[in-house]
Protein backbone atom coordinates (compact mmCIF):
# COMPACT_ATOMS: atom_id res chain seq x y z
CA UNK A 1 137.04 154.55 98.93
CA UNK A 2 133.45 154.15 99.74
CA UNK A 3 131.92 153.44 96.35
CA UNK A 4 134.22 150.59 95.97
CA UNK A 5 133.55 149.36 99.14
CA UNK A 6 129.79 149.55 98.34
CA UNK A 7 130.24 147.83 94.93
CA UNK A 8 132.18 144.98 96.74
CA UNK A 9 129.24 144.75 99.48
CA UNK A 10 126.61 144.65 96.64
CA UNK A 11 128.63 141.91 94.72
CA UNK A 12 128.91 139.92 97.68
CA UNK A 13 125.18 140.42 98.33
CA UNK A 14 124.54 139.27 94.62
CA UNK A 15 126.67 136.22 95.09
CA UNK A 16 125.00 135.09 98.14
CA UNK A 17 121.64 135.55 96.57
CA UNK A 18 122.50 133.63 93.42
CA UNK A 19 123.94 130.83 95.84
CA UNK A 20 120.62 130.80 97.76
CA UNK A 21 118.70 130.71 94.69
CA UNK A 22 120.59 127.74 93.28
CA UNK A 23 120.19 125.91 96.54
CA UNK A 24 116.46 126.60 96.54
CA UNK A 25 116.24 125.32 92.93
CA UNK A 26 118.19 122.13 93.86
CA UNK A 27 115.73 121.58 96.73
CA UNK A 28 112.75 122.06 94.43
CA UNK A 29 114.15 119.35 92.11
CA UNK A 30 114.74 117.05 94.91
CA UNK A 31 111.03 117.55 96.25
CA UNK A 32 109.72 117.31 92.81
CA UNK A 33 111.59 113.84 92.31
CA UNK A 34 110.16 112.79 95.57
CA UNK A 35 106.68 113.77 94.67
CA UNK A 36 107.04 111.81 91.27
CA UNK A 37 108.10 108.89 93.20
CA UNK A 38 105.15 109.02 95.61
CA UNK A 39 102.67 109.53 92.84
CA UNK A 40 104.33 106.32 91.03
CA UNK A 41 103.85 104.35 94.21
CA UNK A 42 100.29 105.48 94.65
CA UNK A 43 99.45 104.48 91.22
CA UNK A 44 101.24 101.15 91.59
CA UNK A 45 99.29 100.52 94.99
CA UNK A 46 95.79 101.52 93.30
CA UNK A 47 96.51 99.03 90.53
CA UNK A 48 97.31 96.34 92.70
CA UNK A 49 94.23 97.03 94.95
CA UNK A 50 92.10 97.04 91.77
CA UNK A 51 93.56 93.61 90.65
CA UNK A 52 93.01 92.18 93.98
CA UNK A 53 89.70 93.17 94.25
CA UNK A 54 88.92 91.54 90.74
CA UNK A 55 90.68 88.30 91.87
CA UNK A 56 88.34 88.20 94.89
CA UNK A 57 85.35 88.84 92.77
CA UNK A 58 86.55 86.17 90.47
CA UNK A 59 86.82 83.61 93.33
CA UNK A 60 83.30 84.21 94.31
CA UNK A 61 81.73 83.94 90.70
CA UNK A 62 79.86 80.89 89.56
CA UNK A 63 81.67 78.24 87.49
CA UNK A 64 79.79 79.03 84.35
CA UNK A 65 80.70 82.91 84.69
CA UNK A 66 84.46 81.92 85.15
CA UNK A 67 84.20 79.61 82.06
CA UNK A 68 82.68 82.38 80.04
CA UNK A 69 85.47 84.90 81.11
CA UNK A 70 87.92 82.12 80.24
CA UNK A 71 86.69 81.67 76.85
CA UNK A 72 85.70 85.28 76.01
CA UNK A 73 87.95 87.25 78.38
CA UNK A 74 87.03 89.15 81.48
CA UNK A 75 85.08 92.38 81.00
CA UNK A 76 86.97 95.56 82.13
CA UNK A 77 85.54 98.03 84.81
CA UNK A 78 84.21 100.11 82.05
CA UNK A 79 82.46 97.34 80.20
CA UNK A 80 80.69 96.37 83.63
CA UNK A 81 79.17 100.01 84.01
């Protein structure tokens, strides 16, 4: 009968919509995981770049300043400001 066919059609449509929603959730999780990986990589690169800049600055520093850094420790960027 028509009512049963309509119910079957609506159930099939619901099942399809649920499957699509599950697929979209999976895609979102994957995209978020990739984004997290990219953010982690960016942080690593920024830290390495900062370290390299500090090393280059230290190479150009006078001997007395390098001795001071060796003895007292090197100031951080916030200390230098």
